Amino acid sequence: MSSLTAALPEFELTPRKGSGISPASFTILRQWFMAHEHAVAPVSRQPIGQRFAELAATWREERGFTSSVNDMILSHSYQRIVALGLRALPYILLDLKSGPDHWFPALAAITGANPVPPEAAGDLHRMAAEWLRWGDEEGLVD
């Protein structure tokens, strides 16, 4: 357990009435603490490509057939992929080449970029194509 999560008693990870923090904000906060805990955990000697593949498979299994993007991106495995940072970019983009998936929030969080024009929002195939074009321009896509 990291010093950050150790400093927060378990009861602090659930919203209190009158705290002024919405349940959605608490969910995000809890997910952030979980991702942080894993980010500061000892570094795995596992190759990053293998780590990404395992986390992506777990993420797909965890999310099932949900249509909730929030549920997808707040998944523990998804957050761990985001925590991999720039090292995960080539693998996320490679995954997008095989077919569109909801990697767009992770890509935006990791890169700070959003190459998707507003008119393409919601069109997974076009969004994937825009990110792949961006990745190619950045030298991240083969």
N, C-alpha and C. Protein backbone atom coordinates (compact mmCIF):
# COMPACT_ATOMS: atom_id res chain seq x y z
N MET A 1 0.85 -1.17 0.00
CA MET A 1 0.00 0.00 0.00
C MET A 1 0.89 1.23 0.00
N SER A 2 0.56 2.19 -0.86
CA SER A 2 1.37 3.40 -0.92
C SER A 2 1.09 4.28 0.28
N SER A 3 2.00 5.22 0.50
CA SER A 3 1.82 6.14 1.62
C SER A 3 0.58 7.00 1.41
N LEU A 4 0.24 7.25 0.14
CA LEU A 4 -0.94 8.06 -0.15
C LEU A 4 -2.22 7.34 0.27
N THR A 5 -2.36 6.08 -0.12
CA THR A 5 -3.57 5.35 0.26
C THR A 5 -3.54 4.95 1.73
N ALA A 6 -2.35 4.77 2.29
CA ALA A 6 -2.27 4.45 3.71
C ALA A 6 -2.74 5.62 4.56
N ALA A 7 -2.57 6.82 4.02
CA ALA A 7 -2.98 8.01 4.77
C ALA A 7 -4.49 8.21 4.76
N LEU A 8 -5.18 7.48 3.90
CA LEU A 8 -6.63 7.62 3.81
C LEU A 8 -7.31 6.38 4.38
N PRO A 9 -7.98 6.50 5.49
CA PRO A 9 -8.70 5.34 6.02
C PRO A 9 -9.76 4.88 5.03
N GLU A 10 -10.11 3.62 5.08
CA GLU A 10 -11.08 3.04 4.15
C GLU A 10 -12.39 3.82 4.12
N PHE A 11 -12.86 4.29 5.28
CA PHE A 11 -14.13 5.00 5.29
C PHE A 11 -14.05 6.31 4.52
N GLU A 12 -12.85 6.81 4.28
CA GLU A 12 -12.70 8.05 3.52
C GLU A 12 -12.89 7.81 2.02
N LEU A 13 -12.90 6.55 1.60
CA LEU A 13 -13.05 6.25 0.18
C LEU A 13 -14.51 6.03 -0.21
N THR A 14 -15.42 6.39 0.67
CA THR A 14 -16.84 6.37 0.34
C THR A 14 -17.40 7.75 0.65
N PRO A 15 -18.32 8.23 -0.19
CA PRO A 15 -18.82 9.58 0.02
C PRO A 15 -19.62 9.71 1.31
N ARG A 16 -19.43 10.82 1.97
CA ARG A 16 -20.21 11.13 3.17
C ARG A 16 -21.28 12.14 2.80
N LYS A 17 -22.43 12.01 3.38
CA LYS A 17 -23.49 12.99 3.15
C LYS A 17 -22.99 14.36 3.60
N GLY A 18 -23.27 15.35 2.79
CA GLY A 18 -22.89 16.71 3.13
C GLY A 18 -21.43 17.02 2.88
N SER A 19 -20.69 16.10 2.26
CA SER A 19 -19.26 16.35 2.02
C SER A 19 -19.06 17.32 0.85
N GLY A 20 -20.09 17.49 0.03
CA GLY A 20 -19.97 18.36 -1.13
C GLY A 20 -19.30 17.70 -2.32
N ILE A 21 -18.99 16.42 -2.21
CA ILE A 21 -18.36 15.70 -3.31
C ILE A 21 -19.38 14.72 -3.87
N SER A 22 -19.58 14.79 -5.17
CA SER A 22 -20.58 13.94 -5.82
C SER A 22 -20.10 12.48 -5.84
N PRO A 23 -21.04 11.54 -5.94
CA PRO A 23 -20.64 10.13 -6.07
C PRO A 23 -19.74 9.90 -7.28
N ALA A 24 -19.99 10.61 -8.38
CA ALA A 24 -19.14 10.45 -9.57
C ALA A 24 -17.71 10.90 -9.28
N SER A 25 -17.57 12.02 -8.56
CA SER A 25 -16.24 12.50 -8.21
C SER A 25 -15.54 11.52 -7.29
N PHE A 26 -16.29 10.92 -6.39
CA PHE A 26 -15.70 9.92 -5.50
C PHE A 26 -15.23 8.70 -6.28
N THR A 27 -16.01 8.30 -7.29
CA THR A 27 -15.62 7.16 -8.12
C THR A 27 -14.30 7.47 -8.82
N ILE A 28 -14.20 8.66 -9.39
CA ILE A 28 -12.97 9.06 -10.07
C ILE A 28 -11.81 9.11 -9.09
N LEU A 29 -12.05 9.68 -7.92
CA LEU A 29 -11.01 9.76 -6.89
C LEU A 29 -10.53 8.37 -6.47
N ARG A 30 -11.47 7.46 -6.25
CA ARG A 30 -11.12 6.11 -5.84
C ARG A 30 -10.29 5.42 -6.94
N GLN A 31 -10.72 5.59 -8.22
CA GLN A 31 -9.98 4.98 -9.32
C GLN A 31 -8.58 5.59 -9.44
N TRP A 32 -8.50 6.91 -9.21
CA TRP A 32 -7.19 7.56 -9.27
C TRP A 32 -6.26 7.00 -8.20
N PHE A 33 -6.77 6.82 -6.98
CA PHE A 33 -5.94 6.27 -5.91
C PHE A 33 -5.49 4.85 -6.25
N MET A 34 -6.37 4.06 -6.84
CA MET A 34 -6.00 2.69 -7.22
C MET A 34 -4.91 2.73 -8.30
N ALA A 35 -5.10 3.59 -9.31
CA ALA A 35 -4.10 3.69 -10.38
C ALA A 35 -2.77 4.19 -9.82
N HIS A 36 -2.84 5.16 -8.91
CA HIS A 36 -1.62 5.69 -8.31
C HIS A 36 -0.90 4.61 -7.52
N GLU A 37 -1.65 3.84 -6.78
CA GLU A 37 -1.04 2.77 -5.98
C GLU A 37 -0.27 1.81 -6.88
N HIS A 38 -0.86 1.48 -8.02
CA HIS A 38 -0.19 0.57 -8.93
C HIS A 38 0.96 1.25 -9.66
N ALA A 39 0.84 2.55 -9.90
CA ALA A 39 1.91 3.26 -10.59
C ALA A 39 3.17 3.36 -9.74
N VAL A 40 3.00 3.42 -8.42
CA VAL A 40 4.16 3.53 -7.55
C VAL A 40 4.63 2.17 -7.03
N ALA A 41 3.91 1.13 -7.41
CA ALA A 41 4.32 -0.22 -7.01
C ALA A 41 5.65 -0.56 -7.69
N PRO A 42 6.35 -1.54 -7.18
CA PRO A 42 7.61 -1.92 -7.82
C PRO A 42 7.42 -2.21 -9.31
N VAL A 43 8.37 -1.79 -10.09
CA VAL A 43 8.29 -1.93 -11.54
C VAL A 43 8.39 -3.40 -11.93
N SER A 44 7.53 -3.80 -12.82
CA SER A 44 7.56 -5.17 -13.32
C SER A 44 8.70 -5.32 -14.32
N ARG A 45 9.28 -6.46 -14.34
CA ARG A 45 10.33 -6.74 -15.31
C ARG A 45 9.71 -7.32 -16.60
N GLN A 46 8.40 -7.39 -16.62
CA GLN A 46 7.68 -7.91 -17.77
C GLN A 46 7.81 -6.91 -18.94
N PRO A 47 8.07 -7.40 -20.15
CA PRO A 47 8.14 -6.48 -21.29
C PRO A 47 6.84 -5.68 -21.42
N ILE A 48 6.97 -4.42 -21.80
CA ILE A 48 5.81 -3.53 -21.84
C ILE A 48 4.73 -4.03 -22.80
N GLY A 49 5.12 -4.61 -23.91
CA GLY A 49 4.13 -5.14 -24.86
C GLY A 49 3.30 -6.26 -24.24
N GLN A 50 3.96 -7.12 -23.51
CA GLN A 50 3.26 -8.22 -22.84
C GLN A 50 2.36 -7.67 -21.74
N ARG A 51 2.86 -6.69 -20.99
CA ARG A 51 2.07 -6.08 -19.90
C ARG A 51 0.82 -5.43 -20.48
N PHE A 52 1.01 -4.69 -21.59
CA PHE A 52 -0.14 -4.05 -22.23
C PHE A 52 -1.16 -5.09 -22.69
N ALA A 53 -0.68 -6.14 -23.35
CA ALA A 53 -1.59 -7.17 -23.87
C ALA A 53 -2.40 -7.82 -22.75
N GLU A 54 -1.76 -8.10 -21.62
CA GLU A 54 -2.47 -8.70 -20.49
C GLU A 54 -3.50 -7.73 -19.90
N LEU A 55 -3.10 -6.48 -19.72
CA LEU A 55 -4.04 -5.49 -19.17
C LEU A 55 -5.20 -5.23 -20.12
N ALA A 56 -4.91 -5.17 -21.43
CA ALA A 56 -5.98 -4.95 -22.42
C ALA A 56 -6.96 -6.12 -22.43
N ALA A 57 -6.45 -7.33 -22.34
CA ALA A 57 -7.33 -8.51 -22.31
C ALA A 57 -8.19 -8.49 -21.04
N THR A 58 -7.59 -8.14 -19.92
CA THR A 58 -8.33 -8.06 -18.66
C THR A 58 -9.38 -6.96 -18.75
N TRP A 59 -9.02 -5.82 -19.34
CA TRP A 59 -9.96 -4.71 -19.51
C TRP A 59 -11.16 -5.15 -20.34
N ARG A 60 -10.93 -5.84 -21.42
CA ARG A 60 -12.04 -6.28 -22.28
C ARG A 60 -12.92 -7.29 -21.54
N GLU A 61 -12.30 -8.13 -20.74
CA GLU A 61 -13.06 -9.09 -19.96
C GLU A 61 -13.88 -8.38 -18.88
N GLU A 62 -13.28 -7.42 -18.19
CA GLU A 62 -13.96 -6.69 -17.12
C GLU A 62 -15.15 -5.88 -17.63
N ARG A 63 -14.98 -5.25 -18.78
CA ARG A 63 -16.04 -4.36 -19.27
C ARG A 63 -17.20 -5.12 -19.88
N GLY A 64 -16.94 -6.31 -20.37
CA GLY A 64 -18.01 -7.09 -20.98
C GLY A 64 -18.64 -6.34 -22.14
N PHE A 65 -19.98 -6.28 -22.14
CA PHE A 65 -20.70 -5.65 -23.24
C PHE A 65 -21.30 -4.31 -22.83
N THR A 66 -20.68 -3.63 -21.89
CA THR A 66 -21.22 -2.36 -21.43
C THR A 66 -21.16 -1.31 -22.54
N SER A 67 -22.13 -0.42 -22.55
CA SER A 67 -22.11 0.70 -23.49
C SER A 67 -21.68 1.98 -22.77
N SER A 68 -21.40 1.88 -21.48
CA SER A 68 -21.01 3.04 -20.69
C SER A 68 -19.52 3.31 -20.85
N VAL A 69 -19.20 4.40 -21.52
CA VAL A 69 -17.79 4.76 -21.70
C VAL A 69 -17.15 5.03 -20.34
N ASN A 70 -17.90 5.62 -19.42
CA ASN A 70 -17.36 5.87 -18.08
C ASN A 70 -16.95 4.57 -17.41
N ASP A 71 -17.80 3.55 -17.48
CA ASP A 71 -17.44 2.26 -16.90
C ASP A 71 -16.19 1.69 -17.56
N MET A 72 -16.10 1.88 -18.87
CA MET A 72 -14.93 1.35 -19.60
C MET A 72 -13.64 2.02 -19.16
N ILE A 73 -13.66 3.35 -19.07
CA ILE A 73 -12.41 4.05 -18.80
C ILE A 73 -12.07 4.12 -17.31
N LEU A 74 -13.04 3.86 -16.46
CA LEU A 74 -12.74 3.83 -15.02
C LEU A 74 -12.34 2.44 -14.55
N SER A 75 -12.33 1.50 -15.47
CA SER A 75 -11.89 0.14 -15.16
C SER A 75 -10.46 0.18 -14.62
N HIS A 76 -10.21 -0.66 -13.64
CA HIS A 76 -8.89 -0.76 -13.01
C HIS A 76 -7.81 -1.04 -14.06
N SER A 77 -8.05 -1.97 -14.96
CA SER A 77 -7.05 -2.33 -15.98
C SER A 77 -6.81 -1.19 -16.95
N TYR A 78 -7.86 -0.49 -17.35
CA TYR A 78 -7.72 0.64 -18.26
C TYR A 78 -6.85 1.72 -17.60
N GLN A 79 -7.12 1.99 -16.34
CA GLN A 79 -6.34 3.00 -15.63
C GLN A 79 -4.88 2.58 -15.49
N ARG A 80 -4.63 1.31 -15.35
CA ARG A 80 -3.24 0.83 -15.28
C ARG A 80 -2.54 0.99 -16.61
N ILE A 81 -3.29 0.85 -17.71
CA ILE A 81 -2.71 1.09 -19.04
C ILE A 81 -2.35 2.57 -19.17
N VAL A 82 -3.25 3.44 -18.75
CA VAL A 82 -2.97 4.88 -18.79
C VAL A 82 -1.73 5.18 -17.95
N ALA A 83 -1.61 4.52 -16.81
CA ALA A 83 -0.46 4.74 -15.92
C ALA A 83 0.86 4.30 -16.57
N LEU A 84 0.80 3.44 -17.58
CA LEU A 84 2.02 3.06 -18.30
C LEU A 84 2.58 4.24 -19.08
N GLY A 85 1.73 5.20 -19.37
CA GLY A 85 2.17 6.43 -20.02
C GLY A 85 2.63 6.24 -21.45
N LEU A 86 3.63 7.02 -21.82
CA LEU A 86 4.11 7.05 -23.20
C LEU A 86 4.57 5.69 -23.71
N ARG A 87 5.02 4.84 -22.81
CA ARG A 87 5.47 3.49 -23.22
C ARG A 87 4.34 2.68 -23.81
N ALA A 88 3.09 2.99 -23.45
CA ALA A 88 1.94 2.24 -23.94
C ALA A 88 1.46 2.72 -25.31
N LEU A 89 1.85 3.91 -25.73
CA LEU A 89 1.32 4.49 -26.97
C LEU A 89 1.45 3.59 -28.19
N PRO A 90 2.63 3.06 -28.51
CA PRO A 90 2.71 2.22 -29.71
C PRO A 90 1.78 1.01 -29.65
N TYR A 91 1.57 0.46 -28.48
CA TYR A 91 0.73 -0.72 -28.34
C TYR A 91 -0.75 -0.37 -28.45
N ILE A 92 -1.13 0.77 -27.92
CA ILE A 92 -2.53 1.23 -28.06
C ILE A 92 -2.81 1.48 -29.54
N LEU A 93 -1.89 2.17 -30.21
CA LEU A 93 -2.09 2.47 -31.63
C LEU A 93 -2.10 1.20 -32.47
N LEU A 94 -1.24 0.26 -32.14
CA LEU A 94 -1.23 -1.03 -32.85
C LEU A 94 -2.56 -1.74 -32.65
N ASP A 95 -3.10 -1.68 -31.43
CA ASP A 95 -4.40 -2.28 -31.16
C ASP A 95 -5.49 -1.60 -31.99
N LEU A 96 -5.41 -0.28 -32.12
CA LEU A 96 -6.39 0.45 -32.94
C LEU A 96 -6.31 0.04 -34.41
N LYS A 97 -5.12 -0.33 -34.87
CA LYS A 97 -4.97 -0.77 -36.27
C LYS A 97 -5.77 -2.04 -36.52
N SER A 98 -5.90 -2.87 -35.50
CA SER A 98 -6.63 -4.13 -35.67
C SER A 98 -8.14 -3.92 -35.59
N GLY A 99 -8.57 -2.77 -35.13
CA GLY A 99 -9.99 -2.45 -35.05
C GLY A 99 -10.23 -1.39 -34.00
N PRO A 100 -11.20 -0.52 -34.24
CA PRO A 100 -11.44 0.57 -33.28
C PRO A 100 -11.91 0.05 -31.93
N ASP A 101 -11.49 0.73 -30.90
CA ASP A 101 -11.92 0.43 -29.54
C ASP A 101 -11.85 1.73 -28.75
N HIS A 102 -12.27 1.72 -27.54
CA HIS A 102 -12.38 2.95 -26.75
C HIS A 102 -11.06 3.34 -26.09
N TRP A 103 -10.03 3.49 -26.91
CA TRP A 103 -8.72 3.91 -26.42
C TRP A 103 -8.57 5.43 -26.44
N PHE A 104 -9.54 6.14 -26.96
CA PHE A 104 -9.39 7.58 -27.19
C PHE A 104 -9.18 8.38 -25.91
N PRO A 105 -9.90 8.12 -24.82
CA PRO A 105 -9.60 8.85 -23.59
C PRO A 105 -8.18 8.55 -23.06
N ALA A 106 -7.73 7.31 -23.21
CA ALA A 106 -6.37 6.96 -22.76
C ALA A 106 -5.34 7.70 -23.62
N LEU A 107 -5.56 7.71 -24.92
CA LEU A 107 -4.63 8.40 -25.81
C LEU A 107 -4.57 9.90 -25.48
N ALA A 108 -5.72 10.50 -25.26
CA ALA A 108 -5.76 11.93 -24.93
C ALA A 108 -5.08 12.19 -23.58
N ALA A 109 -5.33 11.31 -22.61
CA ALA A 109 -4.73 11.49 -21.28
C ALA A 109 -3.21 11.36 -21.33
N ILE A 110 -2.73 10.42 -22.10
CA ILE A 110 -1.29 10.17 -22.17
C ILE A 110 -0.57 11.25 -22.99
N THR A 111 -1.18 11.67 -24.10
CA THR A 111 -0.50 12.58 -25.03
C THR A 111 -0.83 14.05 -24.82
N GLY A 112 -2.01 14.33 -24.28
CA GLY A 112 -2.48 15.71 -24.20
C GLY A 112 -2.98 16.21 -25.54
N ALA A 113 -3.07 15.32 -26.52
CA ALA A 113 -3.52 15.68 -27.87
C ALA A 113 -4.93 15.16 -28.11
N ASN A 114 -5.57 15.70 -29.11
CA ASN A 114 -6.85 15.18 -29.59
C ASN A 114 -6.96 15.52 -31.07
N PRO A 115 -6.47 14.63 -31.94
CA PRO A 115 -6.49 14.90 -33.37
C PRO A 115 -7.86 14.68 -34.03
N VAL A 116 -8.86 14.28 -33.26
CA VAL A 116 -10.17 13.96 -33.82
C VAL A 116 -10.97 15.24 -34.00
N PRO A 117 -11.37 15.54 -35.24
CA PRO A 117 -12.19 16.74 -35.45
C PRO A 117 -13.58 16.55 -34.83
N PRO A 118 -14.21 17.64 -34.41
CA PRO A 118 -15.52 17.54 -33.75
C PRO A 118 -16.55 16.74 -34.54
N GLU A 119 -16.54 16.86 -35.85
CA GLU A 119 -17.54 16.16 -36.66
C GLU A 119 -17.33 14.64 -36.68
N ALA A 120 -16.16 14.17 -36.23
CA ALA A 120 -15.89 12.73 -36.19
C ALA A 120 -16.21 12.12 -34.83
N ALA A 121 -16.53 12.96 -33.85
CA ALA A 121 -16.82 12.45 -32.49
C ALA A 121 -17.94 11.43 -32.54
N GLY A 122 -17.70 10.29 -31.92
CA GLY A 122 -18.69 9.22 -31.87
C GLY A 122 -18.56 8.20 -32.97
N ASP A 123 -17.81 8.49 -34.02
CA ASP A 123 -17.58 7.56 -35.12
C ASP A 123 -16.27 6.84 -34.84
N LEU A 124 -16.37 5.65 -34.22
CA LEU A 124 -15.17 4.95 -33.77
C LEU A 124 -14.17 4.68 -34.89
N HIS A 125 -14.65 4.34 -36.07
CA HIS A 125 -13.74 4.06 -37.18
C HIS A 125 -12.99 5.32 -37.60
N ARG A 126 -13.69 6.42 -37.69
CA ARG A 126 -13.03 7.68 -38.08
C ARG A 126 -12.10 8.18 -36.97
N MET A 127 -12.53 8.04 -35.72
CA MET A 127 -11.68 8.45 -34.61
C MET A 127 -10.38 7.64 -34.59
N ALA A 128 -10.52 6.33 -34.82
CA ALA A 128 -9.33 5.47 -34.87
C ALA A 128 -8.42 5.90 -36.01
N ALA A 129 -9.00 6.19 -37.17
CA ALA A 129 -8.21 6.61 -38.33
C ALA A 129 -7.45 7.90 -38.03
N GLU A 130 -8.10 8.84 -37.35
CA GLU A 130 -7.45 10.11 -37.01
C GLU A 130 -6.29 9.89 -36.04
N TRP A 131 -6.50 9.03 -35.04
CA TRP A 131 -5.41 8.75 -34.09
C TRP A 131 -4.28 8.01 -34.77
N LEU A 132 -4.60 7.11 -35.69
CA LEU A 132 -3.55 6.39 -36.40
C LEU A 132 -2.76 7.34 -37.32
N ARG A 133 -3.46 8.29 -37.94
CA ARG A 133 -2.79 9.31 -38.75
C ARG A 133 -1.84 10.12 -37.85
N TRP A 134 -2.34 10.53 -36.69
CA TRP A 134 -1.53 11.28 -35.73
C TRP A 134 -0.30 10.45 -35.31
N GLY A 135 -0.53 9.18 -34.99
CA GLY A 135 0.57 8.31 -34.58
C GLY A 135 1.60 8.14 -35.68
N ASP A 136 1.15 8.08 -36.92
CA ASP A 136 2.06 7.98 -38.06
C ASP A 136 2.90 9.25 -38.17
N GLU A 137 2.25 10.41 -38.03
CA GLU A 137 2.97 11.68 -38.09
C GLU A 137 4.00 11.82 -36.96
N GLU A 138 3.69 11.20 -35.82
CA GLU A 138 4.60 11.25 -34.67
C GLU A 138 5.65 10.14 -34.70
N GLY A 139 5.58 9.28 -35.73
CA GLY A 139 6.54 8.18 -35.86
C GLY A 139 6.28 7.03 -34.92
N LEU A 140 5.02 6.87 -34.50
CA LEU A 140 4.67 5.82 -33.54
C LEU A 140 4.00 4.62 -34.18
N VAL A 141 3.63 4.73 -35.46
CA VAL A 141 2.90 3.67 -36.14
C VAL A 141 3.77 3.16 -37.29
N ASP A 142 3.87 1.84 -37.39
CA ASP A 142 4.64 1.25 -38.50
C ASP A 142 3.78 1.11 -39.72
